[in-house]
Amino acid sequence: GPFGAPIAHGFLTLSLMPAFLQTAFEVRQTSMGVNYGLNKVRFLKPVPVNSRLRAHFKLLSWEPLEGNGAQIVTEMTVEQEGADKPACVAESITRLFP
């Protein structure tokens, strides 16, 4: 291919979001979180196979839901070790319930 080595599919990189989210922060007093979808997803750089990745998260919005739930929108930026720009940037929508 045009990248000089095998690369991971962009959606494989995106599929790491739940695992990264689980270790990024803790949300207390919730019994269930539901993936409600994505607003934006951009694959900015190919990820060569066996790359080391990390993710950064930023809370973009919080909105109360009926029944004491909340909807949060979180921006995830996935970085490849040694790369000059992110591999993936995505906005995730999660609904949390007590």
PDB file of N, CA and C in Angstrom:
ATOM      1  N   GLY A   1       0.820  -1.195   0.000  1.00  0.00           N
ATOM      2  CA  GLY A   1       0.000   0.000   0.000  1.00  0.00           C
ATOM      3  C   GLY A   1       0.860   1.253   0.000  1.00  0.00           C
ATOM      4  N   PRO A   2       0.244   2.382  -0.012  1.00  0.00           N
ATOM      5  CA  PRO A   2       0.945   3.658  -0.094  1.00  0.00           C
ATOM      6  C   PRO A   2       1.640   4.085   1.207  1.00  0.00           C
ATOM      7  N   PHE A   3       1.463   3.323   2.294  1.00  0.00           N
ATOM      8  CA  PHE A   3       2.004   3.743   3.591  1.00  0.00           C
ATOM      9  C   PHE A   3       3.327   3.076   3.939  1.00  0.00           C
ATOM     10  N   GLY A   4       3.808   2.166   3.108  1.00  0.00           N
ATOM     11  CA  GLY A   4       5.112   1.559   3.317  1.00  0.00           C
ATOM     12  C   GLY A   4       5.141   0.401   4.281  1.00  0.00           C
ATOM     13  N   ALA A   5       4.041   0.130   4.963  1.00  0.00           N
ATOM     14  CA  ALA A   5       3.955  -0.970   5.916  1.00  0.00           C
ATOM     15  C   ALA A   5       2.480  -1.259   6.169  1.00  0.00           C
ATOM     16  N   PRO A   6       2.166  -2.422   6.729  1.00  0.00           N
ATOM     17  CA  PRO A   6       0.765  -2.701   7.064  1.00  0.00           C
ATOM     18  C   PRO A   6       0.256  -1.700   8.104  1.00  0.00           C
ATOM     19  N   ILE A   7      -0.996  -1.294   7.943  1.00  0.00           N
ATOM     20  CA  ILE A   7      -1.593  -0.356   8.900  1.00  0.00           C
ATOM     21  C   ILE A   7      -2.853  -0.956   9.503  1.00  0.00           C
ATOM     22  N   ALA A   8      -3.213  -0.447  10.670  1.00  0.00           N
ATOM     23  CA  ALA A   8      -4.465  -0.841  11.315  1.00  0.00           C
ATOM     24  C   ALA A   8      -5.599  -0.062  10.659  1.00  0.00           C
ATOM     25  N   HIS A   9      -6.730  -0.718  10.469  1.00  0.00           N
ATOM     26  CA  HIS A   9      -7.900  -0.058   9.922  1.00  0.00           C
ATOM     27  C   HIS A   9      -8.336   1.042  10.887  1.00  0.00           C
ATOM     28  N   GLY A  10      -8.788   2.161  10.353  1.00  0.00           N
ATOM     29  CA  GLY A  10      -9.220   3.277  11.202  1.00  0.00           C
ATOM     30  C   GLY A  10     -10.275   2.878  12.222  1.00  0.00           C
ATOM     31  N   PHE A  11     -11.200   2.014  11.817  1.00  0.00           N
ATOM     32  CA  PHE A  11     -12.245   1.609  12.753  1.00  0.00           C
ATOM     33  C   PHE A  11     -11.700   0.713  13.862  1.00  0.00           C
ATOM     34  N   LEU A  12     -10.576   0.052  13.637  1.00  0.00           N
ATOM     35  CA  LEU A  12      -9.925  -0.690  14.722  1.00  0.00           C
ATOM     36  C   LEU A  12      -9.411   0.300  15.758  1.00  0.00           C
ATOM     37  N   THR A  13      -8.793   1.372  15.301  1.00  0.00           N
ATOM     38  CA  THR A  13      -8.335   2.424  16.217  1.00  0.00           C
ATOM     39  C   THR A  13      -9.506   2.991  16.992  1.00  0.00           C
ATOM     40  N   LEU A  14     -10.598   3.280  16.303  1.00  0.00           N
ATOM     41  CA  LEU A  14     -11.794   3.827  16.955  1.00  0.00           C
ATOM     42  C   LEU A  14     -12.375   2.841  17.959  1.00  0.00           C
ATOM     43  N   SER A  15     -12.288   1.549  17.677  1.00  0.00           N
ATOM     44  CA  SER A  15     -12.856   0.545  18.577  1.00  0.00           C
ATOM     45  C   SER A  15     -12.130   0.465  19.914  1.00  0.00           C
ATOM     46  N   LEU A  16     -10.963   1.080  20.010  1.00  0.00           N
ATOM     47  CA  LEU A  16     -10.229   1.111  21.276  1.00  0.00           C
ATOM     48  C   LEU A  16     -10.819   2.125  22.252  1.00  0.00           C
ATOM     49  N   MET A  17     -11.730   2.991  21.777  1.00  0.00           N
ATOM     50  CA  MET A  17     -12.281   4.055  22.615  1.00  0.00           C
ATOM     51  C   MET A  17     -12.848   3.550  23.943  1.00  0.00           C
ATOM     52  N   PRO A  18     -13.697   2.508  23.971  1.00  0.00           N
ATOM     53  CA  PRO A  18     -14.219   2.059  25.270  1.00  0.00           C
ATOM     54  C   PRO A  18     -13.126   1.630  26.247  1.00  0.00           C
ATOM     55  N   ALA A  19     -12.104   0.944  25.758  1.00  0.00           N
ATOM     56  CA  ALA A  19     -11.015   0.517  26.644  1.00  0.00           C
ATOM     57  C   ALA A  19     -10.245   1.716  27.179  1.00  0.00           C
ATOM     58  N   PHE A  20      -9.962   2.685  26.309  1.00  0.00           N
ATOM     59  CA  PHE A  20      -9.277   3.901  26.753  1.00  0.00           C
ATOM     60  C   PHE A  20     -10.151   4.678  27.746  1.00  0.00           C
ATOM     61  N   LEU A  21     -11.444   4.801  27.449  1.00  0.00           N
ATOM     62  CA  LEU A  21     -12.363   5.541  28.323  1.00  0.00           C
ATOM     63  C   LEU A  21     -12.418   4.931  29.717  1.00  0.00           C
ATOM     64  N   GLN A  22     -12.430   3.613  29.775  1.00  0.00           N
ATOM     65  CA  GLN A  22     -12.549   2.920  31.052  1.00  0.00           C
ATOM     66  C   GLN A  22     -11.393   3.254  31.992  1.00  0.00           C
ATOM     67  N   THR A  23     -10.235   3.536  31.449  1.00  0.00           N
ATOM     68  CA  THR A  23      -9.074   3.830  32.285  1.00  0.00           C
ATOM     69  C   THR A  23      -8.789   5.329  32.410  1.00  0.00           C
ATOM     70  N   ALA A  24      -9.558   6.168  31.701  1.00  0.00           N
ATOM     71  CA  ALA A  24      -9.272   7.601  31.678  1.00  0.00           C
ATOM     72  C   ALA A  24      -9.852   8.341  32.876  1.00  0.00           C
ATOM     73  N   PHE A  25     -11.078   8.007  33.241  1.00  0.00           N
ATOM     74  CA  PHE A  25     -11.715   8.687  34.365  1.00  0.00           C
ATOM     75  C   PHE A  25     -12.817   7.816  34.937  1.00  0.00           C
ATOM     76  N   GLU A  26     -13.294   8.195  36.117  1.00  0.00           N
ATOM     77  CA  GLU A  26     -14.327   7.438  36.809  1.00  0.00           C
ATOM     78  C   GLU A  26     -15.578   8.304  36.930  1.00  0.00           C
ATOM     79  N   VAL A  27     -16.710   7.725  36.620  1.00  0.00           N
ATOM     80  CA  VAL A  27     -17.991   8.401  36.819  1.00  0.00           C
ATOM     81  C   VAL A  27     -18.694   7.679  37.953  1.00  0.00           C
ATOM     82  N   ARG A  28     -18.965   8.385  39.033  1.00  0.00           N
ATOM     83  CA  ARG A  28     -19.565   7.775  40.220  1.00  0.00           C
ATOM     84  C   ARG A  28     -21.077   7.871  40.190  1.00  0.00           C
ATOM     85  N   GLN A  29     -21.688   7.042  41.000  1.00  0.00           N
ATOM     86  CA  GLN A  29     -23.135   7.001  41.192  1.00  0.00           C
ATOM     87  C   GLN A  29     -23.880   6.720  39.888  1.00  0.00           C
ATOM     88  N   THR A  30     -23.299   5.858  39.070  1.00  0.00           N
ATOM     89  CA  THR A  30     -23.989   5.384  37.873  1.00  0.00           C
ATOM     90  C   THR A  30     -23.969   3.857  37.889  1.00  0.00           C
ATOM     91  N   SER A  31     -25.050   3.276  37.394  1.00  0.00           N
ATOM     92  CA  SER A  31     -25.098   1.818  37.305  1.00  0.00           C
ATOM     93  C   SER A  31     -24.973   1.346  35.861  1.00  0.00           C
ATOM     94  N   MET A  32     -25.190   2.295  34.919  1.00  0.00           N
ATOM     95  CA  MET A  32     -25.147   1.893  33.525  1.00  0.00           C
ATOM     96  C   MET A  32     -24.751   3.073  32.641  1.00  0.00           C
ATOM     97  N   GLY A  33     -23.905   2.784  31.671  1.00  0.00           N
ATOM     98  CA  GLY A  33     -23.563   3.752  30.641  1.00  0.00           C
ATOM     99  C   GLY A  33     -23.898   3.164  29.281  1.00  0.00           C
ATOM    100  N   VAL A  34     -24.509   3.973  28.421  1.00  0.00           N
ATOM    101  CA  VAL A  34     -24.939   3.499  27.109  1.00  0.00           C
ATOM    102  C   VAL A  34     -24.247   4.323  26.029  1.00  0.00           C
ATOM    103  N   ASN A  35     -23.625   3.631  25.087  1.00  0.00           N
ATOM    104  CA  ASN A  35     -23.030   4.294  23.934  1.00  0.00           C
ATOM    105  C   ASN A  35     -24.184   4.807  23.075  1.00  0.00           C
ATOM    106  N   TYR A  36     -24.295   6.131  22.936  1.00  0.00           N
ATOM    107  CA  TYR A  36     -25.399   6.734  22.193  1.00  0.00           C
ATOM    108  C   TYR A  36     -24.997   7.118  20.768  1.00  0.00           C
ATOM    109  N   GLY A  37     -23.702   7.027  20.474  1.00  0.00           N
ATOM    110  CA  GLY A  37     -23.255   7.299  19.116  1.00  0.00           C
ATOM    111  C   GLY A  37     -22.073   8.250  19.063  1.00  0.00           C
ATOM    112  N   LEU A  38     -21.823   8.738  17.866  1.00  0.00           N
ATOM    113  CA  LEU A  38     -20.690   9.626  17.617  1.00  0.00           C
ATOM    114  C   LEU A  38     -21.164  10.856  16.852  1.00  0.00           C
ATOM    115  N   ASN A  39     -20.565  11.999  17.150  1.00  0.00           N
ATOM    116  CA  ASN A  39     -20.848  13.210  16.380  1.00  0.00           C
ATOM    117  C   ASN A  39     -19.880  13.357  15.224  1.00  0.00           C
ATOM    118  N   LYS A  40     -18.612  13.269  15.523  1.00  0.00           N
ATOM    119  CA  LYS A  40     -17.573  13.474  14.518  1.00  0.00           C
ATOM    120  C   LYS A  40     -16.490  12.423  14.698  1.00  0.00           C
ATOM    121  N   VAL A  41     -15.967  11.940  13.589  1.00  0.00           N
ATOM    122  CA  VAL A  41     -14.820  11.025  13.618  1.00  0.00           C
ATOM    123  C   VAL A  41     -13.904  11.418  12.476  1.00  0.00           C
ATOM    124  N   ARG A  42     -12.633  11.592  12.790  1.00  0.00           N
ATOM    125  CA  ARG A  42     -11.642  11.892  11.766  1.00  0.00           C
ATOM    126  C   ARG A  42     -10.434  10.988  11.974  1.00  0.00           C
ATOM    127  N   PHE A  43      -9.976  10.354  10.889  1.00  0.00           N
ATOM    128  CA  PHE A  43      -8.761   9.552  10.901  1.00  0.00           C
ATOM    129  C   PHE A  43      -7.688  10.392  10.219  1.00  0.00           C
ATOM    130  N   LEU A  44      -6.824  11.004  11.024  1.00  0.00           N
ATOM    131  CA  LEU A  44      -5.885  11.995  10.521  1.00  0.00           C
ATOM    132  C   LEU A  44      -4.554  11.415  10.058  1.00  0.00           C
ATOM    133  N   LYS A  45      -4.233  10.217  10.533  1.00  0.00           N
ATOM    134  CA  LYS A  45      -2.941   9.622  10.214  1.00  0.00           C
ATOM    135  C   LYS A  45      -3.068   8.110  10.297  1.00  0.00           C
ATOM    136  N   PRO A  46      -2.491   7.380   9.344  1.00  0.00           N
ATOM    137  CA  PRO A  46      -2.536   5.915   9.441  1.00  0.00           C
ATOM    138  C   PRO A  46      -1.723   5.420  10.640  1.00  0.00           C
ATOM    139  N   VAL A  47      -2.150   4.293  11.196  1.00  0.00           N
ATOM    140  CA  VAL A  47      -1.484   3.703  12.355  1.00  0.00           C
ATOM    141  C   VAL A  47      -0.798   2.410  11.908  1.00  0.00           C
ATOM    142  N   PRO A  48       0.535   2.420  11.818  1.00  0.00           N
ATOM    143  CA  PRO A  48       1.238   1.188  11.450  1.00  0.00           C
ATOM    144  C   PRO A  48       0.980   0.087  12.487  1.00  0.00           C
ATOM    145  N   VAL A  49       0.914  -1.158  12.010  1.00  0.00           N
ATOM    146  CA  VAL A  49       0.732  -2.304  12.891  1.00  0.00           C
ATOM    147  C   VAL A  49       1.827  -2.292  13.963  1.00  0.00           C
ATOM    148  N   ASN A  50       1.471  -2.652  15.189  1.00  0.00           N
ATOM    149  CA  ASN A  50       2.352  -2.717  16.363  1.00  0.00           C
ATOM    150  C   ASN A  50       2.725  -1.352  16.920  1.00  0.00           C
ATOM    151  N   SER A  51       2.014  -0.287  16.547  1.00  0.00           N
ATOM    152  CA  SER A  51       2.266   1.037  17.118  1.00  0.00           C
ATOM    153  C   SER A  51       1.776   1.091  18.559  1.00  0.00           C
ATOM    154  N   ARG A  52       2.422   1.943  19.335  1.00  0.00           N
ATOM    155  CA  ARG A  52       1.963   2.213  20.701  1.00  0.00           C
ATOM    156  C   ARG A  52       1.057   3.434  20.643  1.00  0.00           C
ATOM    157  N   LEU A  53      -0.118   3.318  21.265  1.00  0.00           N
ATOM    158  CA  LEU A  53      -1.109   4.382  21.230  1.00  0.00           C
ATOM    159  C   LEU A  53      -1.488   4.811  22.634  1.00  0.00           C
ATOM    160  N   ARG A  54      -1.952   6.043  22.732  1.00  0.00           N
ATOM    161  CA  ARG A  54      -2.541   6.538  23.980  1.00  0.00           C
ATOM    162  C   ARG A  54      -3.664   7.480  23.582  1.00  0.00           C
ATOM    163  N   ALA A  55      -4.555   7.739  24.532  1.00  0.00           N
ATOM    164  CA  ALA A  55      -5.687   8.612  24.243  1.00  0.00           C
ATOM    165  C   ALA A  55      -5.810   9.695  25.304  1.00  0.00           C
ATOM    166  N   HIS A  56      -6.258  10.847  24.852  1.00  0.00           N
ATOM    167  CA  HIS A  56      -6.580  11.962  25.736  1.00  0.00           C
ATOM    168  C   HIS A  56      -8.066  12.251  25.591  1.00  0.00           C
ATOM    169  N   PHE A  57      -8.697  12.655  26.686  1.00  0.00           N
ATOM    170  CA  PHE A  57     -10.131  12.927  26.662  1.00  0.00           C
ATOM    171  C   PHE A  57     -10.416  14.328  27.178  1.00  0.00           C
ATOM    172  N   LYS A  58     -11.449  14.931  26.593  1.00  0.00           N
ATOM    173  CA  LYS A  58     -11.916  16.240  27.048  1.00  0.00           C
ATOM    174  C   LYS A  58     -13.436  16.189  27.085  1.00  0.00           C
ATOM    175  N   LEU A  59     -14.014  16.560  28.228  1.00  0.00           N
ATOM    176  CA  LEU A  59     -15.466  16.626  28.354  1.00  0.00           C
ATOM    177  C   LEU A  59     -15.946  17.876  27.631  1.00  0.00           C
ATOM    178  N   LEU A  60     -16.760  17.699  26.587  1.00  0.00           N
ATOM    179  CA  LEU A  60     -17.245  18.830  25.796  1.00  0.00           C
ATOM    180  C   LEU A  60     -18.586  19.350  26.301  1.00  0.00           C
ATOM    181  N   SER A  61     -19.446  18.433  26.781  1.00  0.00           N
ATOM    182  CA  SER A  61     -20.740  18.887  27.301  1.00  0.00           C
ATOM    183  C   SER A  61     -21.331  17.856  28.244  1.00  0.00           C
ATOM    184  N   TRP A  62     -22.205  18.339  29.094  1.00  0.00           N
ATOM    185  CA  TRP A  62     -22.962  17.519  30.036  1.00  0.00           C
ATOM    186  C   TRP A  62     -24.378  18.053  30.029  1.00  0.00           C
ATOM    187  N   GLU A  63     -25.349  17.164  29.905  1.00  0.00           N
ATOM    188  CA  GLU A  63     -26.749  17.565  29.841  1.00  0.00           C
ATOM    189  C   GLU A  63     -27.581  16.600  30.687  1.00  0.00           C
ATOM    190  N   PRO A  64     -28.418  17.117  31.599  1.00  0.00           N
ATOM    191  CA  PRO A  64     -29.243  16.213  32.408  1.00  0.00           C
ATOM    192  C   PRO A  64     -30.305  15.524  31.558  1.00  0.00           C
ATOM    193  N   LEU A  65     -30.627  14.296  31.948  1.00  0.00           N
ATOM    194  CA  LEU A  65     -31.696  13.529  31.302  1.00  0.00           C
ATOM    195  C   LEU A  65     -32.772  13.209  32.331  1.00  0.00           C
ATOM    196  N   GLU A  66     -33.966  12.974  31.867  1.00  0.00           N
ATOM    197  CA  GLU A  66     -35.061  12.596  32.743  1.00  0.00           C
ATOM    198  C   GLU A  66     -34.691  11.343  33.524  1.00  0.00           C
ATOM    199  N   GLY A  67     -35.073  11.296  34.797  1.00  0.00           N
ATOM    200  CA  GLY A  67     -34.769  10.138  35.630  1.00  0.00           C
ATOM    201  C   GLY A  67     -33.385  10.187  36.243  1.00  0.00           C
ATOM    202  N   ASN A  68     -32.819  11.370  36.406  1.00  0.00           N
ATOM    203  CA  ASN A  68     -31.501  11.578  37.024  1.00  0.00           C
ATOM    204  C   ASN A  68     -30.336  11.062  36.182  1.00  0.00           C
ATOM    205  N   GLY A  69     -30.552  10.843  34.914  1.00  0.00           N
ATOM    206  CA  GLY A  69     -29.470  10.442  34.032  1.00  0.00           C
ATOM    207  C   GLY A  69     -28.753  11.668  33.488  1.00  0.00           C
ATOM    208  N   ALA A  70     -27.759  11.436  32.683  1.00  0.00           N
ATOM    209  CA  ALA A  70     -27.006  12.528  32.061  1.00  0.00           C
ATOM    210  C   ALA A  70     -26.483  12.066  30.712  1.00  0.00           C
ATOM    211  N   GLN A  71     -26.384  12.999  29.801  1.00  0.00           N
ATOM    212  CA  GLN A  71     -25.741  12.741  28.520  1.00  0.00           C
ATOM    213  C   GLN A  71     -24.462  13.545  28.475  1.00  0.00           C
ATOM    214  N   ILE A  72     -23.353  12.873  28.163  1.00  0.00           N
ATOM    215  CA  ILE A  72     -22.076  13.568  28.063  1.00  0.00           C
ATOM    216  C   ILE A  72     -21.522  13.396  26.650  1.00  0.00           C
ATOM    217  N   VAL A  73     -20.859  14.419  26.197  1.00  0.00           N
ATOM    218  CA  VAL A  73     -20.142  14.359  24.928  1.00  0.00           C
ATOM    219  C   VAL A  73     -18.664  14.524  25.261  1.00  0.00           C
ATOM    220  N   THR A  74     -17.870  13.557  24.837  1.00  0.00           N
ATOM    221  CA  THR A  74     -16.450  13.515  25.148  1.00  0.00           C
ATOM    222  C   THR A  74     -15.649  13.484  23.860  1.00  0.00           C
ATOM    223  N   GLU A  75     -14.601  14.307  23.800  1.00  0.00           N
ATOM    224  CA  GLU A  75     -13.684  14.262  22.666  1.00  0.00           C
ATOM    225  C   GLU A  75     -12.524  13.350  23.018  1.00  0.00           C
ATOM    226  N   MET A  76     -12.239  12.396  22.130  1.00  0.00           N
ATOM    227  CA  MET A  76     -11.108  11.498  22.307  1.00  0.00           C
ATOM    228  C   MET A  76     -10.097  11.787  21.210  1.00  0.00           C
ATOM    229  N   THR A  77      -8.850  11.965  21.614  1.00  0.00           N
ATOM    230  CA  THR A  77      -7.756  12.122  20.671  1.00  0.00           C
ATOM    231  C   THR A  77      -6.784  10.971  20.875  1.00  0.00           C
ATOM    232  N   VAL A  78      -6.591  10.165  19.833  1.00  0.00           N
ATOM    233  CA  VAL A  78      -5.671   9.031  19.899  1.00  0.00           C
ATOM    234  C   VAL A  78      -4.356   9.449  19.258  1.00  0.00           C
ATOM    235  N   GLU A  79      -3.284   9.271  20.024  1.00  0.00           N
ATOM    236  CA  GLU A  79      -1.946   9.616  19.541  1.00  0.00           C
ATOM    237  C   GLU A  79      -1.103   8.368  19.389  1.00  0.00           C
ATOM    238  N   GLN A  80      -0.271   8.360  18.369  1.00  0.00           N
ATOM    239  CA  GLN A  80       0.703   7.290  18.152  1.00  0.00           C
ATOM    240  C   GLN A  80       2.042   7.785  18.684  1.00  0.00           C
ATOM    241  N   GLU A  81       2.741   6.937  19.429  1.00  0.00           N
ATOM    242  CA  GLU A  81       4.037   7.303  19.981  1.00  0.00           C
ATOM    243  C   GLU A  81       4.975   7.771  18.869  1.00  0.00           C
ATOM    244  N   GLY A  82       5.558   8.969  19.037  1.00  0.00           N
ATOM    245  CA  GLY A  82       6.524   9.501  18.093  1.00  0.00           C
ATOM    246  C   GLY A  82       5.937  10.198  16.881  1.00  0.00           C
ATOM    247  N   ALA A  83       4.604  10.220  16.753  1.00  0.00           N
ATOM    248  CA  ALA A  83       3.972  10.844  15.586  1.00  0.00           C
ATOM    249  C   ALA A  83       3.793  12.342  15.811  1.00  0.00           C
ATOM    250  N   ASP A  84       3.749  13.083  14.710  1.00  0.00           N
ATOM    251  CA  ASP A  84       3.633  14.532  14.786  1.00  0.00           C
ATOM    252  C   ASP A  84       2.190  15.031  14.856  1.00  0.00           C
ATOM    253  N   LYS A  85       1.214  14.152  14.563  1.00  0.00           N
ATOM    254  CA  LYS A  85      -0.188  14.555  14.661  1.00  0.00           C
ATOM    255  C   LYS A  85      -1.021  13.358  15.096  1.00  0.00           C
ATOM    256  N   PRO A  86      -2.234  13.614  15.609  1.00  0.00           N
ATOM    257  CA  PRO A  86      -3.079  12.515  16.093  1.00  0.00           C
ATOM    258  C   PRO A  86      -3.450  11.538  14.983  1.00  0.00           C
ATOM    259  N   ALA A  87      -3.698  10.305  15.391  1.00  0.00           N
ATOM    260  CA  ALA A  87      -4.168   9.287  14.462  1.00  0.00           C
ATOM    261  C   ALA A  87      -5.676   9.385  14.271  1.00  0.00           C
ATOM    262  N   CYS A  88      -6.392   9.727  15.351  1.00  0.00           N
ATOM    263  CA  CYS A  88      -7.851   9.761  15.303  1.00  0.00           C
ATOM    264  C   CYS A  88      -8.366  10.786  16.307  1.00  0.00           C
ATOM    265  N   VAL A  89      -9.392  11.520  15.911  1.00  0.00           N
ATOM    266  CA  VAL A  89     -10.108  12.415  16.820  1.00  0.00           C
ATOM    267  C   VAL A  89     -11.592  12.110  16.652  1.00  0.00           C
ATOM    268  N   ALA A  90     -12.288  11.870  17.771  1.00  0.00           N
ATOM    269  CA  ALA A  90     -13.697  11.495  17.701  1.00  0.00           C
ATOM    270  C   ALA A  90     -14.465  12.101  18.865  1.00  0.00           C
ATOM    271  N   GLU A  91     -15.730  12.435  18.623  1.00  0.00           N
ATOM    272  CA  GLU A  91     -16.644  12.890  19.666  1.00  0.00           C
ATOM    273  C   GLU A  91     -17.625  11.772  19.958  1.00  0.00           C
ATOM    274  N   SER A  92     -17.628  11.316  21.196  1.00  0.00           N
ATOM    275  CA  SER A  92     -18.478  10.217  21.630  1.00  0.00           C
ATOM    276  C   SER A  92     -19.611  10.746  22.495  1.00  0.00           C
ATOM    277  N   ILE A  93     -20.809  10.220  22.281  1.00  0.00           N
ATOM    278  CA  ILE A  93     -21.975  10.577  23.100  1.00  0.00           C
ATOM    279  C   ILE A  93     -22.300   9.379  23.985  1.00  0.00           C
ATOM    280  N   THR A  94     -22.354   9.594  25.293  1.00  0.00           N
ATOM    281  CA  THR A  94     -22.661   8.544  26.252  1.00  0.00           C
ATOM    282  C   THR A  94     -23.806   8.997  27.130  1.00  0.00           C
ATOM    283  N   ARG A  95     -24.732   8.089  27.381  1.00  0.00           N
ATOM    284  CA  ARG A  95     -25.817   8.352  28.320  1.00  0.00           C
ATOM    285  C   ARG A  95     -25.556   7.524  29.574  1.00  0.00           C
ATOM    286  N   LEU A  96     -25.598   8.201  30.715  1.00  0.00           N
ATOM    287  CA  LEU A  96     -25.317   7.586  32.014  1.00  0.00           C
ATOM    288  C   LEU A  96     -26.583   7.567  32.860  1.00  0.00           C
ATOM    289  N   PHE A  97     -26.801   6.469  33.578  1.00  0.00           N
ATOM    290  CA  PHE A  97     -28.003   6.324  34.394  1.00  0.00           C
ATOM    291  C   PHE A  97     -27.633   5.820  35.774  1.00  0.00           C
ATOM    292  N   PRO A  98     -28.373   6.296  36.808  1.00  0.00           N
ATOM    293  CA  PRO A  98     -28.085   5.873  38.191  1.00  0.00           C
ATOM    294  C   PRO A  98     -28.484   4.428  38.452  1.00  0.00           C
TER     295      PRO A  98
END
